[in-house]
Amino acid sequence: MAQQVHTQVPGNVWKVMVKPGDAVKSGDTLFILEVMKTEVPHEAEADGTVSAVHIKEGDEAVEEGTLAVEIS
């Protein structure tokens, strides 16, 4: 089943840890947002393969709820 990972809070994309084709396990960190000098990691909720990454390092002012990563 496909999984869509959305940003949980607004912020800047500090680090993207995955790319399309990467295998991930539940709990793996996919990307990290910087929110008011605090790192906010976003994790995979299930095992799968990254099918798309919609954000990139350096993106600024990403809104809460933005589709960031798709996992199939």
C-alpha atoms as a PDB file:
ATOM      1  CA  MET A   1       0.000   0.000   0.000  1.00  0.00           C
ATOM      2  CA  ALA A   2       1.355   3.444  -0.919  1.00  0.00           C
ATOM      3  CA  GLN A   3       2.282   5.812   1.872  1.00  0.00           C
ATOM      4  CA  GLN A   4       2.423   9.584   1.586  1.00  0.00           C
ATOM      5  CA  VAL A   5       4.555  11.473   4.087  1.00  0.00           C
ATOM      6  CA  HIS A   6       3.520  15.089   4.663  1.00  0.00           C
ATOM      7  CA  THR A   7       5.323  17.761   6.640  1.00  0.00           C
ATOM      8  CA  GLN A   8       4.046  17.902  10.208  1.00  0.00           C
ATOM      9  CA  VAL A   9       4.989  21.538  10.831  1.00  0.00           C
ATOM     10  CA  PRO A  10       5.990  24.528   8.699  1.00  0.00           C
ATOM     11  CA  GLY A  11       9.736  25.060   8.316  1.00  0.00           C
ATOM     12  CA  ASN A  12      12.805  24.875   6.107  1.00  0.00           C
ATOM     13  CA  VAL A  13      14.098  21.625   4.621  1.00  0.00           C
ATOM     14  CA  TRP A  14      17.451  21.067   6.307  1.00  0.00           C
ATOM     15  CA  LYS A  15      18.310  17.528   5.160  1.00  0.00           C
ATOM     16  CA  VAL A  16      16.753  14.940   2.824  1.00  0.00           C
ATOM     17  CA  MET A  17      17.969  11.449   3.678  1.00  0.00           C
ATOM     18  CA  VAL A  18      16.333   9.437   0.853  1.00  0.00           C
ATOM     19  CA  LYS A  19      15.982   9.391  -2.921  1.00  0.00           C
ATOM     20  CA  PRO A  20      13.677   7.494  -5.281  1.00  0.00           C
ATOM     21  CA  GLY A  21      14.498   3.796  -5.297  1.00  0.00           C
ATOM     22  CA  ASP A  22      15.768   3.695  -1.705  1.00  0.00           C
ATOM     23  CA  ALA A  23      14.389   0.928   0.509  1.00  0.00           C
ATOM     24  CA  VAL A  24      13.189   2.193   3.891  1.00  0.00           C
ATOM     25  CA  LYS A  25      11.998   0.540   7.073  1.00  0.00           C
ATOM     26  CA  SER A  26       9.384   1.784   9.495  1.00  0.00           C
ATOM     27  CA  GLY A  27      11.016   4.391  11.738  1.00  0.00           C
ATOM     28  CA  ASP A  28      13.747   5.394   9.278  1.00  0.00           C
ATOM     29  CA  THR A  29      14.266   9.162   9.087  1.00  0.00           C
ATOM     30  CA  LEU A  30      13.269  10.411   5.625  1.00  0.00           C
ATOM     31  CA  PHE A  31      13.997  14.119   6.014  1.00  0.00           C
ATOM     32  CA  ILE A  32      14.592  16.784   8.649  1.00  0.00           C
ATOM     33  CA  LEU A  33      12.937  20.187   8.828  1.00  0.00           C
ATOM     34  CA  GLU A  34      14.469  23.106  10.672  1.00  0.00           C
ATOM     35  CA  VAL A  35      11.836  24.885  12.726  1.00  0.00           C
ATOM     36  CA  MET A  36      12.986  27.868  14.792  1.00  0.00           C
ATOM     37  CA  LYS A  37      16.525  26.405  15.131  1.00  0.00           C
ATOM     38  CA  THR A  38      15.108  22.998  16.121  1.00  0.00           C
ATOM     39  CA  GLU A  39      15.512  19.861  14.004  1.00  0.00           C
ATOM     40  CA  VAL A  40      12.227  18.033  13.378  1.00  0.00           C
ATOM     41  CA  PRO A  41      12.769  14.561  11.833  1.00  0.00           C
ATOM     42  CA  HIS A  42      10.027  12.931   9.754  1.00  0.00           C
ATOM     43  CA  GLU A  43      10.008   9.129   9.659  1.00  0.00           C
ATOM     44  CA  ALA A  44       8.591   6.353   7.521  1.00  0.00           C
ATOM     45  CA  GLU A  45       5.500   4.759   9.028  1.00  0.00           C
ATOM     46  CA  ALA A  46       5.948   1.464   7.166  1.00  0.00           C
ATOM     47  CA  ASP A  47       8.517  -0.510   5.181  1.00  0.00           C
ATOM     48  CA  GLY A  48       8.692   0.154   1.439  1.00  0.00           C
ATOM     49  CA  THR A  49      10.544   1.764  -1.452  1.00  0.00           C
ATOM     50  CA  VAL A  50      10.730   5.513  -1.980  1.00  0.00           C
ATOM     51  CA  SER A  51       8.864   6.250  -5.211  1.00  0.00           C
ATOM     52  CA  ALA A  52       9.067  10.074  -5.185  1.00  0.00           C
ATOM     53  CA  VAL A  53      10.643  12.929  -3.230  1.00  0.00           C
ATOM     54  CA  HIS A  54       8.839  16.264  -3.636  1.00  0.00           C
ATOM     55  CA  ILE A  55      11.118  18.433  -1.483  1.00  0.00           C
ATOM     56  CA  LYS A  56      14.808  19.285  -1.651  1.00  0.00           C
ATOM     57  CA  GLU A  57      17.433  20.480   0.776  1.00  0.00           C
ATOM     58  CA  GLY A  58      17.305  24.246   1.102  1.00  0.00           C
ATOM     59  CA  ASP A  59      13.573  24.617   0.383  1.00  0.00           C
ATOM     60  CA  GLU A  60      12.375  27.453   2.610  1.00  0.00           C
ATOM     61  CA  ALA A  61       9.018  28.180   4.214  1.00  0.00           C
ATOM     62  CA  VAL A  62       7.531  24.762   3.432  1.00  0.00           C
ATOM     63  CA  GLU A  63       3.977  24.725   4.748  1.00  0.00           C
ATOM     64  CA  GLU A  64       2.539  22.191   7.164  1.00  0.00           C
ATOM     65  CA  GLY A  65       0.855  19.351   5.268  1.00  0.00           C
ATOM     66  CA  THR A  66       3.087  19.575   2.176  1.00  0.00           C
ATOM     67  CA  LEU A  67       3.491  16.224   0.398  1.00  0.00           C
ATOM     68  CA  ALA A  68       7.183  15.464   0.868  1.00  0.00           C
ATOM     69  CA  VAL A  69       7.843  11.769   0.167  1.00  0.00           C
ATOM     70  CA  GLU A  70       5.899   8.894  -1.382  1.00  0.00           C
ATOM     71  CA  ILE A  71       6.653   5.288  -0.472  1.00  0.00           C
ATOM     72  CA  SER A  72       5.259   2.227  -2.243  1.00  0.00           C
END
